[in-house]
């Protein structure tokens, strides 16, 4: 008996998980569940353990592709995407001190970025990324100051 409908259900569950998150990991696992679905559709006599091994193997391949894809972006692409994003400071920071910027959506798989500012900013301040320094630290400025036209 073919279990392709169960694998389709697994793919749908992972797709729903992906809609609730923004990591793209659920999408890759849904794609991986489609592999044993197609195989079990064409070969319904295939053992369940073989289907599970197929899903495990395709999940590992999809996870490997996902990790390679998400880490393969050059730094200049990260800079163009990161600059202008608004986030919240996890810690209060002073000039010359490194803090943590929390973004609402991940960029290159990261929601937390090291940051600095030219002026003291309290914890939970809404900030905007204005530049990325050579050492990978994001320079931030209060979004209120930017709205008021202060650079």
N, C-alpha and C. Protein backbone atom coordinates (compact mmCIF):
# COMPACT_ATOMS: atom_id res chain seq x y z
N UNK A 1 0.84 -1.19 0.00
CA UNK A 1 0.00 0.00 0.00
C UNK A 1 0.88 1.24 0.00
N UNK A 2 0.57 2.19 -0.88
CA UNK A 2 1.37 3.41 -0.98
C UNK A 2 1.05 4.39 0.13
N UNK A 3 2.07 4.99 0.65
CA UNK A 3 1.90 5.97 1.72
C UNK A 3 2.14 7.38 1.21
N UNK A 4 1.97 7.59 -0.10
CA UNK A 4 2.28 8.90 -0.66
C UNK A 4 1.42 10.00 -0.03
N UNK A 5 0.19 9.70 0.32
CA UNK A 5 -0.69 10.70 0.91
C UNK A 5 -0.21 11.14 2.29
N UNK A 6 0.44 10.22 3.03
CA UNK A 6 1.00 10.58 4.33
C UNK A 6 2.17 11.54 4.13
N UNK A 7 3.01 11.25 3.11
CA UNK A 7 4.15 12.14 2.84
C UNK A 7 3.67 13.50 2.34
N UNK A 8 2.58 13.52 1.59
CA UNK A 8 2.01 14.80 1.19
C UNK A 8 1.52 15.59 2.40
N UNK A 9 0.95 14.87 3.37
CA UNK A 9 0.52 15.50 4.61
C UNK A 9 1.69 16.07 5.39
N UNK A 10 2.78 15.31 5.43
CA UNK A 10 4.00 15.80 6.11
C UNK A 10 4.51 17.05 5.41
N UNK A 11 4.51 17.05 4.08
CA UNK A 11 4.96 18.23 3.32
C UNK A 11 4.07 19.42 3.61
N UNK A 12 2.76 19.20 3.70
CA UNK A 12 1.84 20.31 3.99
C UNK A 12 2.07 20.85 5.40
N UNK A 13 2.31 19.96 6.35
CA UNK A 13 2.58 20.40 7.73
C UNK A 13 3.82 21.28 7.78
N UNK A 14 4.89 20.84 7.10
CA UNK A 14 6.11 21.65 7.07
C UNK A 14 5.89 22.97 6.33
N UNK A 15 5.05 22.96 5.30
CA UNK A 15 4.74 24.21 4.60
C UNK A 15 3.98 25.18 5.51
N UNK A 16 3.06 24.65 6.31
CA UNK A 16 2.34 25.49 7.27
C UNK A 16 3.30 26.05 8.31
N UNK A 17 4.22 25.23 8.77
CA UNK A 17 5.24 25.70 9.73
C UNK A 17 6.05 26.83 9.10
N UNK A 18 6.37 26.69 7.82
CA UNK A 18 7.13 27.73 7.13
C UNK A 18 6.34 29.03 7.05
N UNK A 19 5.04 28.94 6.82
CA UNK A 19 4.22 30.15 6.78
C UNK A 19 4.21 30.86 8.12
N UNK A 20 4.38 30.13 9.21
CA UNK A 20 4.37 30.72 10.55
C UNK A 20 5.74 31.24 10.98
N UNK A 21 6.78 30.85 10.27
CA UNK A 21 8.12 31.31 10.59
C UNK A 21 8.72 31.97 9.35
N UNK A 22 9.89 32.52 9.50
CA UNK A 22 10.55 33.17 8.37
C UNK A 22 11.95 32.60 8.13
N UNK A 23 12.15 31.36 8.50
CA UNK A 23 13.50 30.79 8.44
C UNK A 23 13.79 30.04 7.15
N UNK A 24 12.78 29.69 6.39
CA UNK A 24 12.87 28.88 5.18
C UNK A 24 13.24 27.43 5.45
N UNK A 25 13.49 27.05 6.68
CA UNK A 25 13.83 25.66 6.98
C UNK A 25 12.63 24.74 6.75
N UNK A 26 11.45 25.18 7.12
CA UNK A 26 10.24 24.38 6.89
C UNK A 26 9.99 24.14 5.41
N UNK A 27 10.33 25.12 4.58
CA UNK A 27 10.18 24.96 3.14
C UNK A 27 11.06 23.83 2.63
N UNK A 28 12.30 23.78 3.08
CA UNK A 28 13.22 22.73 2.63
C UNK A 28 12.77 21.36 3.13
N UNK A 29 12.24 21.29 4.34
CA UNK A 29 11.76 20.01 4.85
C UNK A 29 10.49 19.56 4.11
N UNK A 30 9.68 20.52 3.68
CA UNK A 30 8.50 20.19 2.88
C UNK A 30 8.93 19.62 1.53
N UNK A 31 9.93 20.24 0.94
CA UNK A 31 10.47 19.73 -0.32
C UNK A 31 11.03 18.32 -0.12
N UNK A 32 11.72 18.11 0.99
CA UNK A 32 12.29 16.79 1.28
C UNK A 32 11.19 15.74 1.46
N UNK A 33 10.05 16.12 2.01
CA UNK A 33 8.94 15.16 2.18
C UNK A 33 8.27 14.83 0.86
N UNK A 34 8.42 15.68 -0.12
CA UNK A 34 7.84 15.39 -1.44
C UNK A 34 8.59 14.27 -2.16
N UNK A 35 9.87 14.10 -1.84
CA UNK A 35 10.67 13.05 -2.49
C UNK A 35 10.10 11.66 -2.19
N UNK A 36 9.93 11.27 -0.91
CA UNK A 36 9.33 9.95 -0.68
C UNK A 36 7.86 9.88 -1.13
N UNK A 37 7.16 11.03 -1.19
CA UNK A 37 5.78 11.02 -1.68
C UNK A 37 5.75 10.58 -3.14
N UNK A 38 6.62 11.16 -3.93
CA UNK A 38 6.67 10.80 -5.36
C UNK A 38 7.13 9.36 -5.53
N UNK A 39 8.16 8.96 -4.79
CA UNK A 39 8.68 7.59 -4.90
C UNK A 39 7.62 6.57 -4.48
N UNK A 40 6.93 6.83 -3.37
CA UNK A 40 5.92 5.87 -2.91
C UNK A 40 4.68 5.87 -3.80
N UNK A 41 4.45 6.95 -4.54
CA UNK A 41 3.34 6.96 -5.50
C UNK A 41 3.63 6.01 -6.66
N UNK A 42 4.87 6.08 -7.15
CA UNK A 42 5.24 5.22 -8.29
C UNK A 42 5.62 3.80 -7.87
N UNK A 43 6.06 3.63 -6.64
CA UNK A 43 6.43 2.30 -6.13
C UNK A 43 5.70 2.05 -4.82
N UNK A 44 4.39 1.74 -4.86
CA UNK A 44 3.60 1.60 -3.63
C UNK A 44 4.03 0.43 -2.76
N UNK A 45 4.75 -0.53 -3.31
CA UNK A 45 5.18 -1.68 -2.50
C UNK A 45 6.46 -1.39 -1.72
N UNK A 46 7.01 -0.19 -1.85
CA UNK A 46 8.24 0.18 -1.15
C UNK A 46 8.03 0.14 0.36
N UNK A 47 8.98 -0.46 1.08
CA UNK A 47 8.86 -0.61 2.53
C UNK A 47 8.88 0.76 3.22
N UNK A 48 8.19 0.82 4.35
CA UNK A 48 8.11 2.07 5.11
C UNK A 48 9.49 2.51 5.57
N UNK A 49 10.32 1.58 5.98
CA UNK A 49 11.67 1.94 6.43
C UNK A 49 12.48 2.56 5.30
N UNK A 50 12.28 2.08 4.08
CA UNK A 50 12.96 2.66 2.92
C UNK A 50 12.45 4.08 2.66
N UNK A 51 11.15 4.28 2.84
CA UNK A 51 10.59 5.62 2.68
C UNK A 51 11.14 6.57 3.73
N UNK A 52 11.24 6.09 4.97
CA UNK A 52 11.80 6.91 6.04
C UNK A 52 13.27 7.25 5.77
N UNK A 53 14.03 6.27 5.29
CA UNK A 53 15.43 6.52 4.95
C UNK A 53 15.54 7.50 3.79
N UNK A 54 14.64 7.40 2.82
CA UNK A 54 14.63 8.34 1.70
C UNK A 54 14.35 9.76 2.20
N UNK A 55 13.38 9.88 3.10
CA UNK A 55 13.07 11.20 3.64
C UNK A 55 14.23 11.75 4.46
N UNK A 56 14.86 10.90 5.26
CA UNK A 56 16.00 11.33 6.05
C UNK A 56 17.13 11.81 5.15
N UNK A 57 17.42 11.03 4.12
CA UNK A 57 18.49 11.39 3.20
C UNK A 57 18.15 12.68 2.45
N UNK A 58 16.92 12.80 1.96
CA UNK A 58 16.54 14.02 1.24
C UNK A 58 16.49 15.23 2.18
N UNK A 59 16.14 15.02 3.45
CA UNK A 59 16.17 16.11 4.43
C UNK A 59 17.59 16.60 4.66
N UNK A 60 18.53 15.67 4.77
CA UNK A 60 19.93 16.06 4.95
C UNK A 60 20.45 16.82 3.73
N UNK A 61 20.10 16.36 2.56
CA UNK A 61 20.53 17.06 1.34
C UNK A 61 19.90 18.45 1.28
N UNK A 62 18.61 18.54 1.58
CA UNK A 62 17.95 19.85 1.57
C UNK A 62 18.52 20.78 2.63
N UNK A 63 18.81 20.26 3.81
CA UNK A 63 19.41 21.09 4.86
C UNK A 63 20.79 21.57 4.44
N UNK A 64 21.57 20.71 3.81
CA UNK A 64 22.89 21.09 3.33
C UNK A 64 22.78 22.20 2.27
N UNK A 65 21.85 22.05 1.33
CA UNK A 65 21.65 23.07 0.29
C UNK A 65 21.19 24.38 0.92
N UNK A 66 20.28 24.28 1.90
CA UNK A 66 19.78 25.49 2.57
C UNK A 66 20.90 26.23 3.27
N UNK A 67 21.74 25.51 3.99
CA UNK A 67 22.85 26.15 4.71
C UNK A 67 23.84 26.76 3.74
N UNK A 68 24.16 26.05 2.67
CA UNK A 68 25.07 26.60 1.66
C UNK A 68 24.48 27.85 1.02
N UNK A 69 23.20 27.80 0.70
CA UNK A 69 22.56 28.92 0.04
C UNK A 69 22.51 30.14 0.94
N UNK A 70 22.16 29.95 2.22
CA UNK A 70 21.99 31.08 3.11
C UNK A 70 23.33 31.71 3.50
N UNK A 71 24.40 30.95 3.47
CA UNK A 71 25.71 31.49 3.83
C UNK A 71 26.53 31.94 2.63
N UNK A 72 26.00 31.80 1.44
CA UNK A 72 26.80 32.07 0.26
C UNK A 72 26.69 33.50 -0.24
N UNK A 73 25.93 34.35 0.44
CA UNK A 73 25.76 35.71 -0.03
C UNK A 73 27.00 36.54 0.29
N UNK A 74 27.53 37.24 -0.69
CA UNK A 74 28.67 38.12 -0.43
C UNK A 74 28.30 39.27 0.49
N UNK A 75 29.30 39.85 1.14
CA UNK A 75 29.09 40.90 2.13
C UNK A 75 28.38 42.12 1.55
N UNK A 76 28.66 42.49 0.30
CA UNK A 76 28.02 43.68 -0.25
C UNK A 76 26.52 43.50 -0.38
N UNK A 77 26.05 42.27 -0.58
CA UNK A 77 24.61 42.04 -0.64
C UNK A 77 23.99 42.15 0.75
N UNK A 78 24.71 41.71 1.76
CA UNK A 78 24.20 41.82 3.13
C UNK A 78 24.08 43.29 3.50
N UNK A 79 25.05 44.08 3.10
CA UNK A 79 25.04 45.50 3.44
C UNK A 79 23.83 46.20 2.83
N UNK A 80 23.54 45.91 1.57
CA UNK A 80 22.41 46.58 0.93
C UNK A 80 21.08 46.15 1.55
N UNK A 81 21.00 44.93 2.03
CA UNK A 81 19.75 44.46 2.65
C UNK A 81 19.65 44.96 4.08
N UNK A 82 20.75 44.99 4.81
CA UNK A 82 20.74 45.32 6.23
C UNK A 82 20.54 46.81 6.48
N UNK A 83 21.18 47.65 5.69
CA UNK A 83 21.09 49.10 5.92
C UNK A 83 19.66 49.56 5.66
N UNK A 84 19.13 50.30 6.62
CA UNK A 84 17.77 50.80 6.53
C UNK A 84 16.77 49.96 7.30
N UNK A 85 17.19 48.77 7.74
CA UNK A 85 16.30 47.93 8.54
C UNK A 85 16.16 48.50 9.95
N UNK A 86 14.96 48.38 10.47
CA UNK A 86 14.69 48.87 11.81
C UNK A 86 14.67 47.71 12.78
N UNK A 87 15.22 47.94 13.96
CA UNK A 87 15.25 46.92 14.99
C UNK A 87 15.19 47.55 16.37
N UNK A 88 15.44 46.72 17.37
CA UNK A 88 15.41 47.16 18.76
C UNK A 88 16.72 46.79 19.41
N UNK A 89 17.21 47.65 20.29
CA UNK A 89 18.43 47.35 21.03
C UNK A 89 18.14 46.40 22.18
N UNK A 90 18.92 45.34 22.28
CA UNK A 90 18.75 44.39 23.38
C UNK A 90 19.38 44.93 24.66
N UNK A 91 20.42 45.76 24.50
CA UNK A 91 21.14 46.34 25.64
C UNK A 91 21.28 47.84 25.43
N UNK A 92 21.45 48.55 26.52
CA UNK A 92 21.80 49.97 26.41
C UNK A 92 23.24 50.05 25.91
N UNK A 93 23.52 51.00 25.03
CA UNK A 93 24.89 51.14 24.54
C UNK A 93 25.34 52.60 24.67
N UNK A 94 26.65 52.75 24.83
CA UNK A 94 27.30 54.05 24.90
C UNK A 94 28.26 54.13 23.73
N UNK A 95 28.69 55.33 23.36
CA UNK A 95 29.66 55.45 22.26
C UNK A 95 30.92 54.62 22.54
N UNK A 96 31.34 53.86 21.54
CA UNK A 96 32.51 53.00 21.68
C UNK A 96 32.21 51.63 22.27
N UNK A 97 30.99 51.41 22.68
CA UNK A 97 30.58 50.14 23.27
C UNK A 97 29.78 49.33 22.24
N UNK A 98 29.92 48.02 22.30
CA UNK A 98 29.20 47.13 21.38
C UNK A 98 27.93 46.64 22.06
N UNK A 99 26.82 46.72 21.34
CA UNK A 99 25.55 46.22 21.83
C UNK A 99 25.00 45.17 20.89
N UNK A 100 23.73 44.84 21.05
CA UNK A 100 23.09 43.84 20.21
C UNK A 100 21.83 44.44 19.58
N UNK A 101 21.77 44.36 18.27
CA UNK A 101 20.61 44.81 17.51
C UNK A 101 19.72 43.60 17.23
N UNK A 102 18.45 43.68 17.57
CA UNK A 102 17.49 42.61 17.32
C UNK A 102 16.59 43.04 16.17
N UNK A 103 16.64 42.30 15.07
CA UNK A 103 15.83 42.60 13.90
C UNK A 103 14.53 41.82 13.96
N UNK A 104 13.47 42.35 13.35
CA UNK A 104 12.19 41.66 13.36
C UNK A 104 12.18 40.49 12.37
N UNK A 105 12.99 40.58 11.31
CA UNK A 105 13.11 39.45 10.38
C UNK A 105 14.60 39.18 10.15
N UNK A 106 14.97 37.94 10.06
CA UNK A 106 16.38 37.61 9.93
C UNK A 106 16.97 38.01 8.58
N UNK A 107 18.23 38.37 8.61
CA UNK A 107 18.99 38.64 7.40
C UNK A 107 20.16 37.68 7.42
N UNK A 108 20.27 36.89 6.39
CA UNK A 108 21.24 35.81 6.26
C UNK A 108 21.16 34.86 7.46
N UNK A 109 19.95 34.61 7.91
CA UNK A 109 19.72 33.65 8.98
C UNK A 109 19.96 34.18 10.37
N UNK A 110 20.29 35.46 10.50
CA UNK A 110 20.59 36.03 11.82
C UNK A 110 19.60 37.13 12.15
N UNK A 111 19.09 37.09 13.37
CA UNK A 111 18.23 38.17 13.86
C UNK A 111 18.98 39.08 14.82
N UNK A 112 20.10 38.60 15.37
CA UNK A 112 20.90 39.39 16.30
C UNK A 112 22.19 39.80 15.62
N UNK A 113 22.49 41.09 15.65
CA UNK A 113 23.70 41.62 15.03
C UNK A 113 24.43 42.51 16.04
N UNK A 114 25.76 42.42 16.09
CA UNK A 114 26.50 43.35 16.96
C UNK A 114 26.38 44.76 16.39
N UNK A 115 26.22 45.74 17.28
CA UNK A 115 26.02 47.10 16.81
C UNK A 115 26.73 48.11 17.71
N UNK A 116 26.87 49.31 17.18
CA UNK A 116 27.45 50.42 17.94
C UNK A 116 26.72 51.70 17.53
N UNK A 117 26.92 52.75 18.32
CA UNK A 117 26.28 54.03 18.04
C UNK A 117 27.21 55.15 18.46
N UNK A 118 27.04 56.32 17.84
CA UNK A 118 27.83 57.50 18.20
C UNK A 118 27.27 58.22 19.41
N UNK A 119 26.06 57.86 19.82
CA UNK A 119 25.45 58.49 20.99
C UNK A 119 24.88 57.43 21.91
N UNK A 120 24.76 57.73 23.19
CA UNK A 120 24.20 56.73 24.11
C UNK A 120 22.72 56.47 23.78
N UNK A 121 22.37 55.20 23.81
CA UNK A 121 20.99 54.80 23.54
C UNK A 121 20.54 53.80 24.60
N UNK A 122 19.36 54.00 25.17
CA UNK A 122 18.87 53.06 26.19
C UNK A 122 18.39 51.75 25.57
N UNK A 123 18.24 50.78 26.44
CA UNK A 123 17.72 49.46 26.04
C UNK A 123 16.31 49.62 25.47
N UNK A 124 15.94 48.77 24.51
CA UNK A 124 14.63 48.76 23.86
C UNK A 124 14.38 49.98 22.96
N UNK A 125 15.43 50.72 22.61
CA UNK A 125 15.28 51.83 21.69
C UNK A 125 15.11 51.30 20.27
N UNK A 126 14.16 51.85 19.53
CA UNK A 126 14.00 51.49 18.12
C UNK A 126 15.08 52.22 17.35
N UNK A 127 15.87 51.45 16.61
CA UNK A 127 17.00 52.01 15.88
C UNK A 127 16.94 51.55 14.42
N UNK A 128 17.71 52.26 13.59
CA UNK A 128 17.83 51.93 12.17
C UNK A 128 19.29 51.68 11.87
N UNK A 129 19.58 50.62 11.13
CA UNK A 129 20.95 50.33 10.72
C UNK A 129 21.34 51.34 9.65
N UNK A 130 22.45 52.05 9.88
CA UNK A 130 22.88 53.09 8.94
C UNK A 130 24.13 52.71 8.16
N UNK A 131 24.94 51.80 8.70
CA UNK A 131 26.17 51.39 8.01
C UNK A 131 26.67 50.09 8.61
N UNK A 132 27.55 49.43 7.86
CA UNK A 132 28.25 48.25 8.38
C UNK A 132 29.73 48.58 8.33
N UNK A 133 30.37 48.50 9.48
CA UNK A 133 31.79 48.81 9.57
C UNK A 133 32.61 47.62 9.07
N UNK A 134 33.91 47.83 8.88
CA UNK A 134 34.79 46.79 8.33
C UNK A 134 34.82 45.52 9.17
N UNK A 135 34.65 45.64 10.48
CA UNK A 135 34.70 44.47 11.35
C UNK A 135 33.34 43.77 11.48
N UNK A 136 32.35 44.17 10.67
CA UNK A 136 31.04 43.52 10.66
C UNK A 136 30.06 44.06 11.68
N UNK A 137 30.44 45.08 12.41
CA UNK A 137 29.54 45.67 13.40
C UNK A 137 28.64 46.68 12.70
N UNK A 138 27.36 46.62 13.03
CA UNK A 138 26.37 47.49 12.41
C UNK A 138 26.30 48.79 13.18
N UNK A 139 26.41 49.88 12.46
CA UNK A 139 26.27 51.20 13.09
C UNK A 139 24.79 51.56 13.06
N UNK A 140 24.24 51.96 14.21
CA UNK A 140 22.81 52.25 14.32
C UNK A 140 22.60 53.68 14.78
N UNK A 141 21.39 54.16 14.52
CA UNK A 141 20.97 55.47 14.99
C UNK A 141 19.51 55.36 15.39
N UNK A 142 19.13 56.14 16.37
CA UNK A 142 17.74 56.12 16.84
C UNK A 142 16.81 56.46 15.69
N UNK A 143 15.75 55.69 15.54
CA UNK A 143 14.80 55.95 14.46
C UNK A 143 14.06 57.26 14.68
N UNK A 144 13.91 57.68 15.91
CA UNK A 144 13.27 58.97 16.21
C UNK A 144 14.12 60.12 15.69
N UNK A 145 15.44 60.02 15.86
CA UNK A 145 16.33 61.06 15.36
C UNK A 145 16.29 61.13 13.84
N UNK A 146 16.23 59.96 13.20
CA UNK A 146 16.15 59.96 11.73
C UNK A 146 14.84 60.57 11.23
N UNK A 147 13.76 60.29 11.96
CA UNK A 147 12.46 60.86 11.56
C UNK A 147 12.47 62.38 11.70
N UNK A 148 13.21 62.88 12.71
CA UNK A 148 13.29 64.32 12.94
C UNK A 148 14.34 65.00 12.07
N UNK A 149 15.06 64.21 11.25
CA UNK A 149 16.04 64.79 10.33
C UNK A 149 17.41 65.01 10.91
N UNK A 150 17.74 64.42 12.06
CA UNK A 150 19.06 64.56 12.65
C UNK A 150 19.92 63.42 12.18
N UNK A 151 21.10 63.71 11.63
CA UNK A 151 22.02 62.66 11.18
C UNK A 151 23.03 62.44 12.22
